[in-house]
């Protein structure tokens, strides 16, 4: 399959060390011979920290987004470093570059692309652009819940949800730089129009990337 994997920055850079990058590199390496892999990496807390500084300097939301994009690309460079020769050595700055780099038969790793697009949105647009078969969104929880599971122990996990229902969840969410926590409207709109199967799973455990392909875990978004 051709797979686009989005890894939340709050997962991969959470401990500010190399361990999670190394663990993900090993899993991705095990998949590359059977699948064509694209990875989009988020910015996490470092991006939010820099965005807050830029915002306090009256930088404007577009400039704040631009700062956040730079951080996502730094995280992408670290994952490329962890992957070594298995990854294309440069971070694509746009979707055309990502498609071009994929002809190397290496894993393509990128961060953000332009203001107002979260890395979840980048992953969804990339998936449509390269005609992917599957999107795997790795986040800090087990999938989509009816309410915040970190604050509500009785939160219900959806094993399946339609894209239209996801849009209802997102209708009142903030769209400021650095506030994307669980998909944004652009991401889900792209998933709905492209018809690409999408699975949300807990990325705190890199092995879940394998579990998504072999078992039914997380939340499957039905593109309708």
C-alpha atoms as a PDB file:
ATOM      1  CA  UNK A   1       0.000   0.000   0.000  1.00  0.00           C
ATOM      2  CA  UNK A   2       0.866   3.652  -0.270  1.00  0.00           C
ATOM      3  CA  UNK A   3       0.521   4.992   3.291  1.00  0.00           C
ATOM      4  CA  UNK A   4       0.662   8.502   4.734  1.00  0.00           C
ATOM      5  CA  UNK A   5       1.477   8.501   8.455  1.00  0.00           C
ATOM      6  CA  UNK A   6       1.065  11.616  10.577  1.00  0.00           C
ATOM      7  CA  UNK A   7       2.899  11.590  13.912  1.00  0.00           C
ATOM      8  CA  UNK A   8       1.926  14.226  16.446  1.00  0.00           C
ATOM      9  CA  UNK A   9       4.770  16.388  17.701  1.00  0.00           C
ATOM     10  CA  UNK A  10       3.450  15.929  21.237  1.00  0.00           C
ATOM     11  CA  UNK A  11       4.357  12.252  20.830  1.00  0.00           C
ATOM     12  CA  UNK A  12       7.685  12.199  19.062  1.00  0.00           C
ATOM     13  CA  UNK A  13       9.330  15.163  20.832  1.00  0.00           C
ATOM     14  CA  UNK A  14       7.531  14.759  24.163  1.00  0.00           C
ATOM     15  CA  UNK A  15      10.587  13.620  26.142  1.00  0.00           C
ATOM     16  CA  UNK A  16      13.058  15.886  24.325  1.00  0.00           C
ATOM     17  CA  UNK A  17      15.357  12.949  23.585  1.00  0.00           C
ATOM     18  CA  UNK A  18      16.187  10.598  20.725  1.00  0.00           C
ATOM     19  CA  UNK A  19      14.416   7.479  21.949  1.00  0.00           C
ATOM     20  CA  UNK A  20      11.042   7.981  20.296  1.00  0.00           C
ATOM     21  CA  UNK A  21      12.667   8.988  17.004  1.00  0.00           C
ATOM     22  CA  UNK A  22      14.758   5.816  17.102  1.00  0.00           C
ATOM     23  CA  UNK A  23      11.761   3.620  17.980  1.00  0.00           C
ATOM     24  CA  UNK A  24       9.695   5.050  15.137  1.00  0.00           C
ATOM     25  CA  UNK A  25      12.592   4.691  12.720  1.00  0.00           C
ATOM     26  CA  UNK A  26      12.813   0.969  13.499  1.00  0.00           C
ATOM     27  CA  UNK A  27       9.077   0.460  12.909  1.00  0.00           C
ATOM     28  CA  UNK A  28       9.081   2.497   9.702  1.00  0.00           C
ATOM     29  CA  UNK A  29      12.109   0.580   8.460  1.00  0.00           C
ATOM     30  CA  UNK A  30      10.216  -2.685   8.937  1.00  0.00           C
ATOM     31  CA  UNK A  31       7.375  -1.395   6.738  1.00  0.00           C
ATOM     32  CA  UNK A  32       9.298   0.141   3.853  1.00  0.00           C
ATOM     33  CA  UNK A  33       9.868  -3.061   1.874  1.00  0.00           C
ATOM     34  CA  UNK A  34       6.143  -3.830   1.687  1.00  0.00           C
ATOM     35  CA  UNK A  35       4.691  -0.331   1.529  1.00  0.00           C
ATOM     36  CA  UNK A  36       5.444   3.106   0.098  1.00  0.00           C
ATOM     37  CA  UNK A  37       5.693   5.364   3.135  1.00  0.00           C
ATOM     38  CA  UNK A  38       5.219   9.103   3.598  1.00  0.00           C
ATOM     39  CA  UNK A  39       5.488  10.619   7.092  1.00  0.00           C
ATOM     40  CA  UNK A  40       4.307  14.029   8.303  1.00  0.00           C
ATOM     41  CA  UNK A  41       5.667  15.122  11.690  1.00  0.00           C
ATOM     42  CA  UNK A  42       4.073  17.712  13.956  1.00  0.00           C
ATOM     43  CA  UNK A  43       5.732  20.394  16.070  1.00  0.00           C
ATOM     44  CA  UNK A  44       4.565  19.534  19.589  1.00  0.00           C
ATOM     45  CA  UNK A  45       5.334  21.667  22.622  1.00  0.00           C
ATOM     46  CA  UNK A  46       8.487  23.250  21.129  1.00  0.00           C
ATOM     47  CA  UNK A  47       6.374  24.679  18.310  1.00  0.00           C
ATOM     48  CA  UNK A  48       3.807  25.999  20.774  1.00  0.00           C
ATOM     49  CA  UNK A  49       6.565  27.596  22.868  1.00  0.00           C
ATOM     50  CA  UNK A  50       8.023  29.427  19.877  1.00  0.00           C
ATOM     51  CA  UNK A  51       4.573  30.412  18.634  1.00  0.00           C
ATOM     52  CA  UNK A  52       3.776  31.947  22.021  1.00  0.00           C
ATOM     53  CA  UNK A  53       6.953  34.014  21.859  1.00  0.00           C
ATOM     54  CA  UNK A  54       6.106  35.170  18.330  1.00  0.00           C
ATOM     55  CA  UNK A  55       2.555  36.012  19.373  1.00  0.00           C
ATOM     56  CA  UNK A  56       3.821  38.040  22.339  1.00  0.00           C
ATOM     57  CA  UNK A  57       6.001  39.930  19.867  1.00  0.00           C
ATOM     58  CA  UNK A  58       2.815  40.806  17.934  1.00  0.00           C
ATOM     59  CA  UNK A  59       3.962  38.635  15.057  1.00  0.00           C
ATOM     60  CA  UNK A  60       0.500  37.950  13.657  1.00  0.00           C
ATOM     61  CA  UNK A  61      -1.059  34.522  13.158  1.00  0.00           C
ATOM     62  CA  UNK A  62       0.494  33.877   9.732  1.00  0.00           C
ATOM     63  CA  UNK A  63       3.959  34.576  11.121  1.00  0.00           C
ATOM     64  CA  UNK A  64       3.196  32.418  14.147  1.00  0.00           C
ATOM     65  CA  UNK A  65       2.200  29.596  11.817  1.00  0.00           C
ATOM     66  CA  UNK A  66       5.417  30.090   9.880  1.00  0.00           C
ATOM     67  CA  UNK A  67       7.445  29.716  13.083  1.00  0.00           C
ATOM     68  CA  UNK A  68       5.540  26.525  13.898  1.00  0.00           C
ATOM     69  CA  UNK A  69       6.223  25.138  10.410  1.00  0.00           C
ATOM     70  CA  UNK A  70       9.953  25.648  10.933  1.00  0.00           C
ATOM     71  CA  UNK A  71       9.788  23.559  14.115  1.00  0.00           C
ATOM     72  CA  UNK A  72       7.893  20.732  12.393  1.00  0.00           C
ATOM     73  CA  UNK A  73      10.627  20.627   9.774  1.00  0.00           C
ATOM     74  CA  UNK A  74      13.278  20.390  12.487  1.00  0.00           C
ATOM     75  CA  UNK A  75      11.432  17.381  13.906  1.00  0.00           C
ATOM     76  CA  UNK A  76      11.250  15.915  10.403  1.00  0.00           C
ATOM     77  CA  UNK A  77      15.029  16.329  10.051  1.00  0.00           C
ATOM     78  CA  UNK A  78      15.553  14.440  13.306  1.00  0.00           C
ATOM     79  CA  UNK A  79      13.402  11.541  12.101  1.00  0.00           C
ATOM     80  CA  UNK A  80      15.288  11.512   8.789  1.00  0.00           C
ATOM     81  CA  UNK A  81      18.510  11.336  10.799  1.00  0.00           C
ATOM     82  CA  UNK A  82      17.127   8.387  12.762  1.00  0.00           C
ATOM     83  CA  UNK A  83      16.089   6.610   9.553  1.00  0.00           C
ATOM     84  CA  UNK A  84      19.474   7.092   7.913  1.00  0.00           C
ATOM     85  CA  UNK A  85      19.683   5.759   4.357  1.00  0.00           C
ATOM     86  CA  UNK A  86      16.093   4.532   4.537  1.00  0.00           C
ATOM     87  CA  UNK A  87      14.816   8.103   4.265  1.00  0.00           C
ATOM     88  CA  UNK A  88      15.160  10.691   1.528  1.00  0.00           C
ATOM     89  CA  UNK A  89      17.733  13.112   2.991  1.00  0.00           C
ATOM     90  CA  UNK A  90      15.795  16.364   2.460  1.00  0.00           C
ATOM     91  CA  UNK A  91      12.535  17.617   3.966  1.00  0.00           C
ATOM     92  CA  UNK A  92       9.969  18.436   1.254  1.00  0.00           C
ATOM     93  CA  UNK A  93       8.622  21.958   1.460  1.00  0.00           C
ATOM     94  CA  UNK A  94       5.582  21.176  -0.681  1.00  0.00           C
ATOM     95  CA  UNK A  95       3.606  18.259  -2.093  1.00  0.00           C
ATOM     96  CA  UNK A  96       5.310  18.320  -5.484  1.00  0.00           C
ATOM     97  CA  UNK A  97       8.662  17.841  -3.781  1.00  0.00           C
ATOM     98  CA  UNK A  98       7.255  14.997  -1.677  1.00  0.00           C
ATOM     99  CA  UNK A  99       6.042  13.189  -4.785  1.00  0.00           C
ATOM    100  CA  UNK A 100       9.355  13.801  -6.536  1.00  0.00           C
ATOM    101  CA  UNK A 101      11.377  12.521  -3.561  1.00  0.00           C
ATOM    102  CA  UNK A 102       9.238   9.360  -3.393  1.00  0.00           C
ATOM    103  CA  UNK A 103      10.694   8.188  -6.710  1.00  0.00           C
ATOM    104  CA  UNK A 104      13.869   7.408  -4.748  1.00  0.00           C
ATOM    105  CA  UNK A 105      12.024   4.449  -3.150  1.00  0.00           C
ATOM    106  CA  UNK A 106      12.918   5.851   0.260  1.00  0.00           C
ATOM    107  CA  UNK A 107      10.687   7.010   3.086  1.00  0.00           C
ATOM    108  CA  UNK A 108       9.692  10.650   2.623  1.00  0.00           C
ATOM    109  CA  UNK A 109       9.468  12.695   5.834  1.00  0.00           C
ATOM    110  CA  UNK A 110       8.037  16.203   5.943  1.00  0.00           C
ATOM    111  CA  UNK A 111       6.637  18.764   8.348  1.00  0.00           C
ATOM    112  CA  UNK A 112       4.284  21.662   7.680  1.00  0.00           C
ATOM    113  CA  UNK A 113       3.832  23.448   4.369  1.00  0.00           C
ATOM    114  CA  UNK A 114       2.032  26.771   4.751  1.00  0.00           C
ATOM    115  CA  UNK A 115       0.146  28.902   7.301  1.00  0.00           C
ATOM    116  CA  UNK A 116      -3.304  27.811   8.490  1.00  0.00           C
ATOM    117  CA  UNK A 117      -2.627  24.140   7.733  1.00  0.00           C
ATOM    118  CA  UNK A 118      -1.991  21.835  10.669  1.00  0.00           C
ATOM    119  CA  UNK A 119       0.241  18.850  10.002  1.00  0.00           C
ATOM    120  CA  UNK A 120      -2.930  16.719  10.130  1.00  0.00           C
ATOM    121  CA  UNK A 121      -4.219  18.778   7.215  1.00  0.00           C
ATOM    122  CA  UNK A 122      -0.864  18.438   5.458  1.00  0.00           C
ATOM    123  CA  UNK A 123      -1.106  14.668   5.839  1.00  0.00           C
ATOM    124  CA  UNK A 124      -4.621  14.580   4.401  1.00  0.00           C
ATOM    125  CA  UNK A 125      -3.719  16.820   1.450  1.00  0.00           C
ATOM    126  CA  UNK A 126      -0.539  14.834   0.824  1.00  0.00           C
ATOM    127  CA  UNK A 127      -2.518  11.591   0.829  1.00  0.00           C
ATOM    128  CA  UNK A 128      -4.845  12.915  -1.854  1.00  0.00           C
ATOM    129  CA  UNK A 129      -1.938  14.365  -3.842  1.00  0.00           C
ATOM    130  CA  UNK A 130       0.042  11.096  -3.959  1.00  0.00           C
ATOM    131  CA  UNK A 131      -3.107   8.914  -4.247  1.00  0.00           C
ATOM    132  CA  UNK A 132      -2.484   7.085  -0.974  1.00  0.00           C
ATOM    133  CA  UNK A 133      -4.441   4.005   0.050  1.00  0.00           C
ATOM    134  CA  UNK A 134      -4.435   4.754   3.765  1.00  0.00           C
ATOM    135  CA  UNK A 135      -3.848   7.566   6.265  1.00  0.00           C
ATOM    136  CA  UNK A 136      -2.689   6.647   9.761  1.00  0.00           C
ATOM    137  CA  UNK A 137      -2.977   9.496  12.252  1.00  0.00           C
ATOM    138  CA  UNK A 138      -0.969   8.859  15.400  1.00  0.00           C
ATOM    139  CA  UNK A 139      -2.042  11.035  18.295  1.00  0.00           C
ATOM    140  CA  UNK A 140      -1.765  11.090  22.104  1.00  0.00           C
ATOM    141  CA  UNK A 141      -5.020   9.201  22.803  1.00  0.00           C
ATOM    142  CA  UNK A 142      -6.549   5.938  21.578  1.00  0.00           C
ATOM    143  CA  UNK A 143      -8.831   7.548  18.998  1.00  0.00           C
ATOM    144  CA  UNK A 144     -11.833   9.860  18.798  1.00  0.00           C
ATOM    145  CA  UNK A 145     -13.867  10.172  21.988  1.00  0.00           C
ATOM    146  CA  UNK A 146     -17.186  11.859  22.638  1.00  0.00           C
ATOM    147  CA  UNK A 147     -15.347  14.082  25.168  1.00  0.00           C
ATOM    148  CA  UNK A 148     -11.821  14.635  26.419  1.00  0.00           C
ATOM    149  CA  UNK A 149     -10.657  11.282  27.871  1.00  0.00           C
ATOM    150  CA  UNK A 150      -7.917  12.999  29.860  1.00  0.00           C
ATOM    151  CA  UNK A 151     -10.546  14.876  31.855  1.00  0.00           C
ATOM    152  CA  UNK A 152     -13.483  12.452  31.685  1.00  0.00           C
ATOM    153  CA  UNK A 153     -12.890   8.816  32.708  1.00  0.00           C
ATOM    154  CA  UNK A 154     -16.299   7.889  31.269  1.00  0.00           C
ATOM    155  CA  UNK A 155     -15.437   9.183  27.782  1.00  0.00           C
ATOM    156  CA  UNK A 156     -16.608   6.858  25.019  1.00  0.00           C
ATOM    157  CA  UNK A 157     -14.247   5.795  22.242  1.00  0.00           C
ATOM    158  CA  UNK A 158     -15.716   5.685  18.743  1.00  0.00           C
ATOM    159  CA  UNK A 159     -14.382   2.694  16.809  1.00  0.00           C
ATOM    160  CA  UNK A 160     -15.890   4.171  13.637  1.00  0.00           C
ATOM    161  CA  UNK A 161     -17.074   7.663  12.759  1.00  0.00           C
ATOM    162  CA  UNK A 162     -18.097   9.350   9.523  1.00  0.00           C
ATOM    163  CA  UNK A 163     -16.235  12.370   8.221  1.00  0.00           C
ATOM    164  CA  UNK A 164     -19.485  14.331   8.478  1.00  0.00           C
ATOM    165  CA  UNK A 165     -19.741  13.523  12.188  1.00  0.00           C
ATOM    166  CA  UNK A 166     -16.122  14.588  12.652  1.00  0.00           C
ATOM    167  CA  UNK A 167     -17.006  17.952  11.137  1.00  0.00           C
ATOM    168  CA  UNK A 168     -19.668  18.397  13.822  1.00  0.00           C
ATOM    169  CA  UNK A 169     -17.012  17.782  16.501  1.00  0.00           C
ATOM    170  CA  UNK A 170     -14.708  20.346  14.918  1.00  0.00           C
ATOM    171  CA  UNK A 171     -17.263  23.059  14.226  1.00  0.00           C
ATOM    172  CA  UNK A 172     -16.488  25.072  17.378  1.00  0.00           C
ATOM    173  CA  UNK A 173     -12.733  24.467  17.649  1.00  0.00           C
ATOM    174  CA  UNK A 174     -10.119  27.242  17.599  1.00  0.00           C
ATOM    175  CA  UNK A 175      -8.076  27.795  14.463  1.00  0.00           C
ATOM    176  CA  UNK A 176      -5.208  29.858  15.864  1.00  0.00           C
ATOM    177  CA  UNK A 177      -1.610  28.828  15.252  1.00  0.00           C
ATOM    178  CA  UNK A 178      -0.507  26.076  17.615  1.00  0.00           C
ATOM    179  CA  UNK A 179      -4.018  25.167  18.802  1.00  0.00           C
ATOM    180  CA  UNK A 180      -4.655  22.126  16.608  1.00  0.00           C
ATOM    181  CA  UNK A 181      -5.079  19.205  18.961  1.00  0.00           C
ATOM    182  CA  UNK A 182      -7.211  16.714  17.098  1.00  0.00           C
ATOM    183  CA  UNK A 183      -7.646  17.269  13.394  1.00  0.00           C
ATOM    184  CA  UNK A 184      -8.788  20.548  11.907  1.00  0.00           C
ATOM    185  CA  UNK A 185     -11.599  21.200   9.462  1.00  0.00           C
ATOM    186  CA  UNK A 186      -9.281  21.235   6.454  1.00  0.00           C
ATOM    187  CA  UNK A 187      -7.974  17.763   7.313  1.00  0.00           C
ATOM    188  CA  UNK A 188     -11.375  16.172   7.644  1.00  0.00           C
ATOM    189  CA  UNK A 189     -12.728  17.917   4.533  1.00  0.00           C
ATOM    190  CA  UNK A 190      -9.833  16.479   2.539  1.00  0.00           C
ATOM    191  CA  UNK A 191     -10.461  13.008   3.946  1.00  0.00           C
ATOM    192  CA  UNK A 192     -14.132  13.257   3.039  1.00  0.00           C
ATOM    193  CA  UNK A 193     -13.558  14.411  -0.525  1.00  0.00           C
ATOM    194  CA  UNK A 194     -10.676  12.050  -1.276  1.00  0.00           C
ATOM    195  CA  UNK A 195     -12.405   8.966   0.107  1.00  0.00           C
ATOM    196  CA  UNK A 196      -9.165   7.722   1.660  1.00  0.00           C
ATOM    197  CA  UNK A 197      -9.536   5.389   4.623  1.00  0.00           C
ATOM    198  CA  UNK A 198      -8.148   6.995   7.771  1.00  0.00           C
ATOM    199  CA  UNK A 199      -7.347   5.452  11.128  1.00  0.00           C
ATOM    200  CA  UNK A 200      -6.623   7.404  14.320  1.00  0.00           C
ATOM    201  CA  UNK A 201      -4.553   5.519  16.892  1.00  0.00           C
ATOM    202  CA  UNK A 202      -2.426   6.086  19.971  1.00  0.00           C
ATOM    203  CA  UNK A 203       1.090   6.997  18.851  1.00  0.00           C
ATOM    204  CA  UNK A 204       2.645   6.980  22.310  1.00  0.00           C
ATOM    205  CA  UNK A 205       3.434   3.352  21.498  1.00  0.00           C
ATOM    206  CA  UNK A 206       5.270   3.160  18.147  1.00  0.00           C
ATOM    207  CA  UNK A 207       4.311  -0.506  17.752  1.00  0.00           C
ATOM    208  CA  UNK A 208       0.711   0.665  17.293  1.00  0.00           C
ATOM    209  CA  UNK A 209       1.773   1.578  13.777  1.00  0.00           C
ATOM    210  CA  UNK A 210       2.053  -2.150  13.122  1.00  0.00           C
ATOM    211  CA  UNK A 211      -1.090  -2.904  15.110  1.00  0.00           C
ATOM    212  CA  UNK A 212      -3.118  -0.545  12.916  1.00  0.00           C
ATOM    213  CA  UNK A 213      -2.182  -2.615   9.881  1.00  0.00           C
ATOM    214  CA  UNK A 214      -2.721  -5.992  11.528  1.00  0.00           C
ATOM    215  CA  UNK A 215      -5.584  -5.429  13.969  1.00  0.00           C
ATOM    216  CA  UNK A 216      -8.609  -3.197  14.379  1.00  0.00           C
ATOM    217  CA  UNK A 217      -7.550  -0.542  16.869  1.00  0.00           C
ATOM    218  CA  UNK A 218      -8.296   3.135  17.279  1.00  0.00           C
ATOM    219  CA  UNK A 219     -10.971   4.986  15.320  1.00  0.00           C
ATOM    220  CA  UNK A 220     -11.643   4.440  11.632  1.00  0.00           C
ATOM    221  CA  UNK A 221     -12.951   7.512   9.795  1.00  0.00           C
ATOM    222  CA  UNK A 222     -15.467   6.591   7.121  1.00  0.00           C
ATOM    223  CA  UNK A 223     -15.152   9.209   4.348  1.00  0.00           C
ATOM    224  CA  UNK A 224     -18.814  10.117   3.951  1.00  0.00           C
END
